[in-house]
Amino acid sequence: EEQKTFFHGHSFTGNPVGCAVALESL
């Protein structure tokens, strides 16, 4: 009810394929 949420996002936020290859790169 305090409405302090961060109202921002992208359709592909945290894409699993991108995150998987990032993990392997690291």
mmCIF file of all heavy atoms, coordinates in Angstrom:
data_MODEL
# 
_entry.id   MODEL 
# 
loop_
_atom_site.group_PDB 
_atom_site.id 
_atom_site.type_symbol 
_atom_site.label_atom_id 
_atom_site.label_alt_id 
_atom_site.label_comp_id 
_atom_site.label_asym_id 
_atom_site.label_entity_id 
_atom_site.label_seq_id 
_atom_site.pdbx_PDB_ins_code 
_atom_site.Cartn_x 
_atom_site.Cartn_y 
_atom_site.Cartn_z 
_atom_site.occupancy 
_atom_site.B_iso_or_equiv 
_atom_site.pdbx_formal_charge 
_atom_site.auth_seq_id 
_atom_site.auth_comp_id 
_atom_site.auth_asym_id 
_atom_site.auth_atom_id 
_atom_site.pdbx_PDB_model_num 
ATOM 1   N N   . GLU A 1 1  ? 0.809  -1.225  0.000   1.00 0.00 ? 1  GLU A N   1 
ATOM 2   C CA  . GLU A 1 1  ? 0.000  0.000   0.000   1.00 0.00 ? 1  GLU A CA  1 
ATOM 3   C C   . GLU A 1 1  ? 0.835  1.265   0.000   1.00 0.00 ? 1  GLU A C   1 
ATOM 4   O O   . GLU A 1 1  ? 0.352  2.345   -0.340  1.00 0.00 ? 1  GLU A O   1 
ATOM 5   C CB  . GLU A 1 1  ? -0.928 -0.006  1.232   1.00 0.00 ? 1  GLU A CB  1 
ATOM 6   C CG  . GLU A 1 1  ? -2.010 -1.078  1.214   1.00 0.00 ? 1  GLU A CG  1 
ATOM 7   C CD  . GLU A 1 1  ? -1.461 -2.452  1.553   1.00 0.00 ? 1  GLU A CD  1 
ATOM 8   O OE1 . GLU A 1 1  ? -0.296 -2.535  2.043   1.00 0.00 ? 1  GLU A OE1 1 
ATOM 9   O OE2 . GLU A 1 1  ? -2.169 -3.447  1.321   1.00 0.00 ? 1  GLU A OE2 1 
ATOM 10  N N   . GLU A 1 2  ? 2.112  1.162   0.348   1.00 0.00 ? 2  GLU A N   1 
ATOM 11  C CA  . GLU A 1 2  ? 2.975  2.355   0.386   1.00 0.00 ? 2  GLU A CA  1 
ATOM 12  C C   . GLU A 1 2  ? 3.384  2.817   -1.006  1.00 0.00 ? 2  GLU A C   1 
ATOM 13  O O   . GLU A 1 2  ? 3.915  3.920   -1.177  1.00 0.00 ? 2  GLU A O   1 
ATOM 14  C CB  . GLU A 1 2  ? 4.222  2.079   1.230   1.00 0.00 ? 2  GLU A CB  1 
ATOM 15  C CG  . GLU A 1 2  ? 3.937  1.883   2.701   1.00 0.00 ? 2  GLU A CG  1 
ATOM 16  C CD  . GLU A 1 2  ? 5.218  1.706   3.493   1.00 0.00 ? 2  GLU A CD  1 
ATOM 17  O OE1 . GLU A 1 2  ? 6.049  2.641   3.505   1.00 0.00 ? 2  GLU A OE1 1 
ATOM 18  O OE2 . GLU A 1 2  ? 5.404  0.620   4.091   1.00 0.00 ? 2  GLU A OE2 1 
ATOM 19  N N   . GLN A 1 3  ? 3.213  1.959   -2.003  1.00 0.00 ? 3  GLN A N   1 
ATOM 20  C CA  . GLN A 1 3  ? 3.499  2.287   -3.410  1.00 0.00 ? 3  GLN A CA  1 
ATOM 21  C C   . GLN A 1 3  ? 4.953  2.727   -3.624  1.00 0.00 ? 3  GLN A C   1 
ATOM 22  O O   . GLN A 1 3  ? 5.236  3.700   -4.326  1.00 0.00 ? 3  GLN A O   1 
ATOM 23  C CB  . GLN A 1 3  ? 2.527  3.361   -3.913  1.00 0.00 ? 3  GLN A CB  1 
ATOM 24  C CG  . GLN A 1 3  ? 1.078  2.911   -3.901  1.00 0.00 ? 3  GLN A CG  1 
ATOM 25  C CD  . GLN A 1 3  ? 0.127  3.918   -4.504  1.00 0.00 ? 3  GLN A CD  1 
ATOM 26  O OE1 . GLN A 1 3  ? 0.458  5.087   -4.651  1.00 0.00 ? 3  GLN A OE1 1 
ATOM 27  N NE2 . GLN A 1 3  ? -1.070 3.463   -4.843  1.00 0.00 ? 3  GLN A NE2 1 
ATOM 28  N N   . LYS A 1 4  ? 5.865  1.984   -3.010  1.00 0.00 ? 4  LYS A N   1 
ATOM 29  C CA  . LYS A 1 4  ? 7.297  2.254   -3.191  1.00 0.00 ? 4  LYS A CA  1 
ATOM 30  C C   . LYS A 1 4  ? 7.944  1.281   -4.181  1.00 0.00 ? 4  LYS A C   1 
ATOM 31  O O   . LYS A 1 4  ? 9.159  1.272   -4.344  1.00 0.00 ? 4  LYS A O   1 
ATOM 32  C CB  . LYS A 1 4  ? 8.012  2.188   -1.844  1.00 0.00 ? 4  LYS A CB  1 
ATOM 33  C CG  . LYS A 1 4  ? 7.647  3.331   -0.903  1.00 0.00 ? 4  LYS A CG  1 
ATOM 34  C CD  . LYS A 1 4  ? 8.482  3.299   0.364   1.00 0.00 ? 4  LYS A CD  1 
ATOM 35  C CE  . LYS A 1 4  ? 8.175  4.519   1.243   1.00 0.00 ? 4  LYS A CE  1 
ATOM 36  N NZ  . LYS A 1 4  ? 9.018  4.521   2.483   1.00 0.00 ? 4  LYS A NZ  1 
ATOM 37  N N   . THR A 1 5  ? 7.127  0.491   -4.844  1.00 0.00 ? 5  THR A N   1 
ATOM 38  C CA  . THR A 1 5  ? 7.628  -0.463  -5.836  1.00 0.00 ? 5  THR A CA  1 
ATOM 39  C C   . THR A 1 5  ? 8.419  0.261   -6.928  1.00 0.00 ? 5  THR A C   1 
ATOM 40  O O   . THR A 1 5  ? 8.088  1.392   -7.319  1.00 0.00 ? 5  THR A O   1 
ATOM 41  C CB  . THR A 1 5  ? 6.449  -1.213  -6.476  1.00 0.00 ? 5  THR A CB  1 
ATOM 42  O OG1 . THR A 1 5  ? 5.726  -1.875  -5.444  1.00 0.00 ? 5  THR A OG1 1 
ATOM 43  C CG2 . THR A 1 5  ? 6.920  -2.211  -7.518  1.00 0.00 ? 5  THR A CG2 1 
ATOM 44  N N   . PHE A 1 6  ? 9.455  -0.413  -7.440  1.00 0.00 ? 6  PHE A N   1 
ATOM 45  C CA  . PHE A 1 6  ? 10.183 0.118   -8.593  1.00 0.00 ? 6  PHE A CA  1 
ATOM 46  C C   . PHE A 1 6  ? 9.450  -0.342  -9.848  1.00 0.00 ? 6  PHE A C   1 
ATOM 47  O O   . PHE A 1 6  ? 9.576  -1.489  -10.274 1.00 0.00 ? 6  PHE A O   1 
ATOM 48  C CB  . PHE A 1 6  ? 11.628 -0.375  -8.594  1.00 0.00 ? 6  PHE A CB  1 
ATOM 49  C CG  . PHE A 1 6  ? 12.484 0.250   -9.679  1.00 0.00 ? 6  PHE A CG  1 
ATOM 50  C CD1 . PHE A 1 6  ? 12.583 1.622   -9.804  1.00 0.00 ? 6  PHE A CD1 1 
ATOM 51  C CD2 . PHE A 1 6  ? 13.179 -0.552  -10.566 1.00 0.00 ? 6  PHE A CD2 1 
ATOM 52  C CE1 . PHE A 1 6  ? 13.368 2.192   -10.798 1.00 0.00 ? 6  PHE A CE1 1 
ATOM 53  C CE2 . PHE A 1 6  ? 13.966 0.008   -11.559 1.00 0.00 ? 6  PHE A CE2 1 
ATOM 54  C CZ  . PHE A 1 6  ? 14.067 1.384   -11.672 1.00 0.00 ? 6  PHE A CZ  1 
ATOM 55  N N   . PHE A 1 7  ? 8.660  0.540   -10.410 1.00 0.00 ? 7  PHE A N   1 
ATOM 56  C CA  . PHE A 1 7  ? 7.830  0.191   -11.563 1.00 0.00 ? 7  PHE A CA  1 
ATOM 57  C C   . PHE A 1 7  ? 8.640  0.338   -12.852 1.00 0.00 ? 7  PHE A C   1 
ATOM 58  O O   . PHE A 1 7  ? 8.550  1.329   -13.579 1.00 0.00 ? 7  PHE A O   1 
ATOM 59  C CB  . PHE A 1 7  ? 6.579  1.065   -11.604 1.00 0.00 ? 7  PHE A CB  1 
ATOM 60  C CG  . PHE A 1 7  ? 5.599  0.746   -10.523 1.00 0.00 ? 7  PHE A CG  1 
ATOM 61  C CD1 . PHE A 1 7  ? 5.410  1.605   -9.450  1.00 0.00 ? 7  PHE A CD1 1 
ATOM 62  C CD2 . PHE A 1 7  ? 4.868  -0.436  -10.558 1.00 0.00 ? 7  PHE A CD2 1 
ATOM 63  C CE1 . PHE A 1 7  ? 4.504  1.303   -8.446  1.00 0.00 ? 7  PHE A CE1 1 
ATOM 64  C CE2 . PHE A 1 7  ? 3.950  -0.750  -9.560  1.00 0.00 ? 7  PHE A CE2 1 
ATOM 65  C CZ  . PHE A 1 7  ? 3.778  0.120   -8.495  1.00 0.00 ? 7  PHE A CZ  1 
ATOM 66  N N   . HIS A 1 8  ? 9.430  -0.662  -13.117 1.00 0.00 ? 8  HIS A N   1 
ATOM 67  C CA  . HIS A 1 8  ? 10.276 -0.665  -14.315 1.00 0.00 ? 8  HIS A CA  1 
ATOM 68  C C   . HIS A 1 8  ? 10.525 -2.124  -14.675 1.00 0.00 ? 8  HIS A C   1 
ATOM 69  O O   . HIS A 1 8  ? 10.647 -2.978  -13.805 1.00 0.00 ? 8  HIS A O   1 
ATOM 70  C CB  . HIS A 1 8  ? 11.614 0.032   -14.037 1.00 0.00 ? 8  HIS A CB  1 
ATOM 71  C CG  . HIS A 1 8  ? 12.445 0.221   -15.277 1.00 0.00 ? 8  HIS A CG  1 
ATOM 72  N ND1 . HIS A 1 8  ? 12.575 1.445   -15.900 1.00 0.00 ? 8  HIS A ND1 1 
ATOM 73  C CD2 . HIS A 1 8  ? 13.180 -0.648  -16.005 1.00 0.00 ? 8  HIS A CD2 1 
ATOM 74  C CE1 . HIS A 1 8  ? 13.367 1.318   -16.952 1.00 0.00 ? 8  HIS A CE1 1 
ATOM 75  N NE2 . HIS A 1 8  ? 13.737 0.053   -17.035 1.00 0.00 ? 8  HIS A NE2 1 
ATOM 76  N N   . GLY A 1 9  ? 10.609 -2.417  -15.971 1.00 0.00 ? 9  GLY A N   1 
ATOM 77  C CA  . GLY A 1 9  ? 10.901 -3.775  -16.401 1.00 0.00 ? 9  GLY A CA  1 
ATOM 78  C C   . GLY A 1 9  ? 10.964 -3.874  -17.908 1.00 0.00 ? 9  GLY A C   1 
ATOM 79  O O   . GLY A 1 9  ? 10.505 -2.986  -18.623 1.00 0.00 ? 9  GLY A O   1 
ATOM 80  N N   . HIS A 1 10 ? 11.558 -4.956  -18.376 1.00 0.00 ? 10 HIS A N   1 
ATOM 81  C CA  . HIS A 1 10 ? 11.667 -5.208  -19.807 1.00 0.00 ? 10 HIS A CA  1 
ATOM 82  C C   . HIS A 1 10 ? 11.098 -6.591  -20.107 1.00 0.00 ? 10 HIS A C   1 
ATOM 83  O O   . HIS A 1 10 ? 11.183 -7.506  -19.282 1.00 0.00 ? 10 HIS A O   1 
ATOM 84  C CB  . HIS A 1 10 ? 13.131 -5.141  -20.258 1.00 0.00 ? 10 HIS A CB  1 
ATOM 85  C CG  . HIS A 1 10 ? 13.749 -3.797  -20.060 1.00 0.00 ? 10 HIS A CG  1 
ATOM 86  N ND1 . HIS A 1 10 ? 13.805 -2.856  -21.053 1.00 0.00 ? 10 HIS A ND1 1 
ATOM 87  C CD2 . HIS A 1 10 ? 14.297 -3.225  -18.969 1.00 0.00 ? 10 HIS A CD2 1 
ATOM 88  C CE1 . HIS A 1 10 ? 14.387 -1.758  -20.586 1.00 0.00 ? 10 HIS A CE1 1 
ATOM 89  N NE2 . HIS A 1 10 ? 14.697 -1.958  -19.322 1.00 0.00 ? 10 HIS A NE2 1 
ATOM 90  N N   . SER A 1 11 ? 10.557 -6.765  -21.282 1.00 0.00 ? 11 SER A N   1 
ATOM 91  C CA  . SER A 1 11 ? 9.933  -8.041  -21.628 1.00 0.00 ? 11 SER A CA  1 
ATOM 92  C C   . SER A 1 11 ? 10.900 -9.204  -21.474 1.00 0.00 ? 11 SER A C   1 
ATOM 93  O O   . SER A 1 11 ? 10.530 -10.285 -21.023 1.00 0.00 ? 11 SER A O   1 
ATOM 94  C CB  . SER A 1 11 ? 9.413  -7.990  -23.073 1.00 0.00 ? 11 SER A CB  1 
ATOM 95  O OG  . SER A 1 11 ? 8.417  -7.004  -23.214 1.00 0.00 ? 11 SER A OG  1 
ATOM 96  N N   . PHE A 1 12 ? 12.167 -8.983  -21.848 1.00 0.00 ? 12 PHE A N   1 
ATOM 97  C CA  . PHE A 1 12 ? 13.148 -10.067 -21.810 1.00 0.00 ? 12 PHE A CA  1 
ATOM 98  C C   . PHE A 1 12 ? 14.061 -9.988  -20.586 1.00 0.00 ? 12 PHE A C   1 
ATOM 99  O O   . PHE A 1 12 ? 15.129 -10.591 -20.568 1.00 0.00 ? 12 PHE A O   1 
ATOM 100 C CB  . PHE A 1 12 ? 13.979 -10.084 -23.097 1.00 0.00 ? 12 PHE A CB  1 
ATOM 101 C CG  . PHE A 1 12 ? 13.259 -10.694 -24.259 1.00 0.00 ? 12 PHE A CG  1 
ATOM 102 C CD1 . PHE A 1 12 ? 12.539 -9.900  -25.131 1.00 0.00 ? 12 PHE A CD1 1 
ATOM 103 C CD2 . PHE A 1 12 ? 13.286 -12.062 -24.474 1.00 0.00 ? 12 PHE A CD2 1 
ATOM 104 C CE1 . PHE A 1 12 ? 11.859 -10.453 -26.208 1.00 0.00 ? 12 PHE A CE1 1 
ATOM 105 C CE2 . PHE A 1 12 ? 12.616 -12.627 -25.544 1.00 0.00 ? 12 PHE A CE2 1 
ATOM 106 C CZ  . PHE A 1 12 ? 11.890 -11.824 -26.425 1.00 0.00 ? 12 PHE A CZ  1 
ATOM 107 N N   . THR A 1 13 ? 13.633 -9.259  -19.560 1.00 0.00 ? 13 THR A N   1 
ATOM 108 C CA  . THR A 1 13 ? 14.418 -9.165  -18.335 1.00 0.00 ? 13 THR A CA  1 
ATOM 109 C C   . THR A 1 13 ? 14.760 -10.546 -17.795 1.00 0.00 ? 13 THR A C   1 
ATOM 110 O O   . THR A 1 13 ? 13.892 -11.391 -17.617 1.00 0.00 ? 13 THR A O   1 
ATOM 111 C CB  . THR A 1 13 ? 13.631 -8.380  -17.262 1.00 0.00 ? 13 THR A CB  1 
ATOM 112 O OG1 . THR A 1 13 ? 13.509 -7.024  -17.676 1.00 0.00 ? 13 THR A OG1 1 
ATOM 113 C CG2 . THR A 1 13 ? 14.340 -8.422  -15.930 1.00 0.00 ? 13 THR A CG2 1 
ATOM 114 N N   . GLY A 1 14 ? 16.053 -10.776 -17.524 1.00 0.00 ? 14 GLY A N   1 
ATOM 115 C CA  . GLY A 1 14 ? 16.484 -12.046 -16.952 1.00 0.00 ? 14 GLY A CA  1 
ATOM 116 C C   . GLY A 1 14 ? 16.285 -13.230 -17.860 1.00 0.00 ? 14 GLY A C   1 
ATOM 117 O O   . GLY A 1 14 ? 16.076 -14.363 -17.390 1.00 0.00 ? 14 GLY A O   1 
ATOM 118 N N   . ASN A 1 15 ? 16.401 -13.022 -19.172 1.00 0.00 ? 15 ASN A N   1 
ATOM 119 C CA  . ASN A 1 15 ? 16.191 -14.102 -20.141 1.00 0.00 ? 15 ASN A CA  1 
ATOM 120 C C   . ASN A 1 15 ? 17.046 -15.320 -19.788 1.00 0.00 ? 15 ASN A C   1 
ATOM 121 O O   . ASN A 1 15 ? 18.260 -15.199 -19.617 1.00 0.00 ? 15 ASN A O   1 
ATOM 122 C CB  . ASN A 1 15 ? 16.535 -13.610 -21.551 1.00 0.00 ? 15 ASN A CB  1 
ATOM 123 C CG  . ASN A 1 15 ? 16.513 -14.734 -22.563 1.00 0.00 ? 15 ASN A CG  1 
ATOM 124 O OD1 . ASN A 1 15 ? 17.552 -15.218 -22.958 1.00 0.00 ? 15 ASN A OD1 1 
ATOM 125 N ND2 . ASN A 1 15 ? 15.324 -15.153 -22.967 1.00 0.00 ? 15 ASN A ND2 1 
ATOM 126 N N   . PRO A 1 16 ? 16.446 -16.504 -19.663 1.00 0.00 ? 16 PRO A N   1 
ATOM 127 C CA  . PRO A 1 16 ? 17.196 -17.685 -19.224 1.00 0.00 ? 16 PRO A CA  1 
ATOM 128 C C   . PRO A 1 16 ? 18.351 -18.066 -20.149 1.00 0.00 ? 16 PRO A C   1 
ATOM 129 O O   . PRO A 1 16 ? 19.404 -18.501 -19.666 1.00 0.00 ? 16 PRO A O   1 
ATOM 130 C CB  . PRO A 1 16 ? 16.130 -18.787 -19.193 1.00 0.00 ? 16 PRO A CB  1 
ATOM 131 C CG  . PRO A 1 16 ? 14.837 -18.070 -19.020 1.00 0.00 ? 16 PRO A CG  1 
ATOM 132 C CD  . PRO A 1 16 ? 14.999 -16.775 -19.758 1.00 0.00 ? 16 PRO A CD  1 
ATOM 133 N N   . VAL A 1 17 ? 18.173 -17.932 -21.455 1.00 0.00 ? 17 VAL A N   1 
ATOM 134 C CA  . VAL A 1 17 ? 19.252 -18.300 -22.371 1.00 0.00 ? 17 VAL A CA  1 
ATOM 135 C C   . VAL A 1 17 ? 20.436 -17.351 -22.199 1.00 0.00 ? 17 VAL A C   1 
ATOM 136 O O   . VAL A 1 17 ? 21.598 -17.777 -22.116 1.00 0.00 ? 17 VAL A O   1 
ATOM 137 C CB  . VAL A 1 17 ? 18.757 -18.295 -23.827 1.00 0.00 ? 17 VAL A CB  1 
ATOM 138 C CG1 . VAL A 1 17 ? 19.894 -18.669 -24.773 1.00 0.00 ? 17 VAL A CG1 1 
ATOM 139 C CG2 . VAL A 1 17 ? 17.587 -19.251 -24.006 1.00 0.00 ? 17 VAL A CG2 1 
ATOM 140 N N   . GLY A 1 18 ? 20.144 -16.046 -22.123 1.00 0.00 ? 18 GLY A N   1 
ATOM 141 C CA  . GLY A 1 18 ? 21.213 -15.075 -21.909 1.00 0.00 ? 18 GLY A CA  1 
ATOM 142 C C   . GLY A 1 18 ? 21.914 -15.281 -20.581 1.00 0.00 ? 18 GLY A C   1 
ATOM 143 O O   . GLY A 1 18 ? 23.145 -15.208 -20.491 1.00 0.00 ? 18 GLY A O   1 
ATOM 144 N N   . CYS A 1 19 ? 21.160 -15.546 -19.530 1.00 0.00 ? 19 CYS A N   1 
ATOM 145 C CA  . CYS A 1 19 ? 21.759 -15.754 -18.212 1.00 0.00 ? 19 CYS A CA  1 
ATOM 146 C C   . CYS A 1 19 ? 22.589 -17.033 -18.182 1.00 0.00 ? 19 CYS A C   1 
ATOM 147 O O   . CYS A 1 19 ? 23.640 -17.100 -17.525 1.00 0.00 ? 19 CYS A O   1 
ATOM 148 C CB  . CYS A 1 19 ? 20.673 -15.801 -17.137 1.00 0.00 ? 19 CYS A CB  1 
ATOM 149 S SG  . CYS A 1 19 ? 19.884 -14.197 -16.846 1.00 0.00 ? 19 CYS A SG  1 
ATOM 150 N N   . ALA A 1 20 ? 22.146 -18.067 -18.898 1.00 0.00 ? 20 ALA A N   1 
ATOM 151 C CA  . ALA A 1 20 ? 22.893 -19.327 -18.944 1.00 0.00 ? 20 ALA A CA  1 
ATOM 152 C C   . ALA A 1 20 ? 24.254 -19.138 -19.596 1.00 0.00 ? 20 ALA A C   1 
ATOM 153 O O   . ALA A 1 20 ? 25.277 -19.640 -19.099 1.00 0.00 ? 20 ALA A O   1 
ATOM 154 C CB  . ALA A 1 20 ? 22.078 -20.393 -19.688 1.00 0.00 ? 20 ALA A CB  1 
ATOM 155 N N   . VAL A 1 21 ? 24.291 -18.402 -20.702 1.00 0.00 ? 21 VAL A N   1 
ATOM 156 C CA  . VAL A 1 21 ? 25.582 -18.199 -21.357 1.00 0.00 ? 21 VAL A CA  1 
ATOM 157 C C   . VAL A 1 21 ? 26.452 -17.245 -20.546 1.00 0.00 ? 21 VAL A C   1 
ATOM 158 O O   . VAL A 1 21 ? 27.690 -17.370 -20.521 1.00 0.00 ? 21 VAL A O   1 
ATOM 159 C CB  . VAL A 1 21 ? 25.390 -17.728 -22.815 1.00 0.00 ? 21 VAL A CB  1 
ATOM 160 C CG1 . VAL A 1 21 ? 24.953 -16.275 -22.896 1.00 0.00 ? 21 VAL A CG1 1 
ATOM 161 C CG2 . VAL A 1 21 ? 26.676 -17.924 -23.616 1.00 0.00 ? 21 VAL A CG2 1 
ATOM 162 N N   . ALA A 1 22 ? 25.846 -16.308 -19.830 1.00 0.00 ? 22 ALA A N   1 
ATOM 163 C CA  . ALA A 1 22 ? 26.619 -15.428 -18.945 1.00 0.00 ? 22 ALA A CA  1 
ATOM 164 C C   . ALA A 1 22 ? 27.287 -16.231 -17.833 1.00 0.00 ? 22 ALA A C   1 
ATOM 165 O O   . ALA A 1 22 ? 28.453 -15.998 -17.485 1.00 0.00 ? 22 ALA A O   1 
ATOM 166 C CB  . ALA A 1 22 ? 25.712 -14.352 -18.348 1.00 0.00 ? 22 ALA A CB  1 
ATOM 167 N N   . LEU A 1 23 ? 26.552 -17.180 -17.268 1.00 0.00 ? 23 LEU A N   1 
ATOM 168 C CA  . LEU A 1 23 ? 27.139 -18.036 -16.228 1.00 0.00 ? 23 LEU A CA  1 
ATOM 169 C C   . LEU A 1 23 ? 28.341 -18.811 -16.752 1.00 0.00 ? 23 LEU A C   1 
ATOM 170 O O   . LEU A 1 23 ? 29.375 -18.921 -16.079 1.00 0.00 ? 23 LEU A O   1 
ATOM 171 C CB  . LEU A 1 23 ? 26.073 -19.012 -15.707 1.00 0.00 ? 23 LEU A CB  1 
ATOM 172 C CG  . LEU A 1 23 ? 25.097 -18.456 -14.680 1.00 0.00 ? 23 LEU A CG  1 
ATOM 173 C CD1 . LEU A 1 23 ? 23.892 -19.380 -14.542 1.00 0.00 ? 23 LEU A CD1 1 
ATOM 174 C CD2 . LEU A 1 23 ? 25.780 -18.263 -13.332 1.00 0.00 ? 23 LEU A CD2 1 
ATOM 175 N N   . GLU A 1 24 ? 28.217 -19.338 -17.945 1.00 0.00 ? 24 GLU A N   1 
ATOM 176 C CA  . GLU A 1 24 ? 29.336 -20.089 -18.518 1.00 0.00 ? 24 GLU A CA  1 
ATOM 177 C C   . GLU A 1 24 ? 30.504 -19.159 -18.846 1.00 0.00 ? 24 GLU A C   1 
ATOM 178 O O   . GLU A 1 24 ? 31.673 -19.533 -18.679 1.00 0.00 ? 24 GLU A O   1 
ATOM 179 C CB  . GLU A 1 24 ? 28.883 -20.847 -19.765 1.00 0.00 ? 24 GLU A CB  1 
ATOM 180 C CG  . GLU A 1 24 ? 29.963 -21.697 -20.419 1.00 0.00 ? 24 GLU A CG  1 
ATOM 181 C CD  . GLU A 1 24 ? 30.515 -22.798 -19.512 1.00 0.00 ? 24 GLU A CD  1 
ATOM 182 O OE1 . GLU A 1 24 ? 29.874 -23.128 -18.493 1.00 0.00 ? 24 GLU A OE1 1 
ATOM 183 O OE2 . GLU A 1 24 ? 31.593 -23.331 -19.830 1.00 0.00 ? 24 GLU A OE2 1 
ATOM 184 N N   . SER A 1 25 ? 30.206 -17.951 -19.311 1.00 0.00 ? 25 SER A N   1 
ATOM 185 C CA  . SER A 1 25 ? 31.271 -16.985 -19.587 1.00 0.00 ? 25 SER A CA  1 
ATOM 186 C C   . SER A 1 25 ? 32.050 -16.650 -18.308 1.00 0.00 ? 25 SER A C   1 
ATOM 187 O O   . SER A 1 25 ? 33.281 -16.600 -18.312 1.00 0.00 ? 25 SER A O   1 
ATOM 188 C CB  . SER A 1 25 ? 30.684 -15.704 -20.185 1.00 0.00 ? 25 SER A CB  1 
ATOM 189 O OG  . SER A 1 25 ? 31.695 -14.733 -20.386 1.00 0.00 ? 25 SER A OG  1 
ATOM 190 N N   . LEU A 1 26 ? 31.331 -16.443 -17.211 1.00 0.00 ? 26 LEU A N   1 
ATOM 191 C CA  . LEU A 1 26 ? 32.001 -16.163 -15.939 1.00 0.00 ? 26 LEU A CA  1 
ATOM 192 C C   . LEU A 1 26 ? 32.835 -17.362 -15.484 1.00 0.00 ? 26 LEU A C   1 
ATOM 193 O O   . LEU A 1 26 ? 33.939 -17.204 -14.946 1.00 0.00 ? 26 LEU A O   1 
ATOM 194 C CB  . LEU A 1 26 ? 30.973 -15.802 -14.871 1.00 0.00 ? 26 LEU A CB  1 
ATOM 195 C CG  . LEU A 1 26 ? 30.231 -14.474 -15.070 1.00 0.00 ? 26 LEU A CG  1 
ATOM 196 C CD1 . LEU A 1 26 ? 29.187 -14.273 -13.976 1.00 0.00 ? 26 LEU A CD1 1 
ATOM 197 C CD2 . LEU A 1 26 ? 31.196 -13.296 -15.093 1.00 0.00 ? 26 LEU A CD2 1 
# 
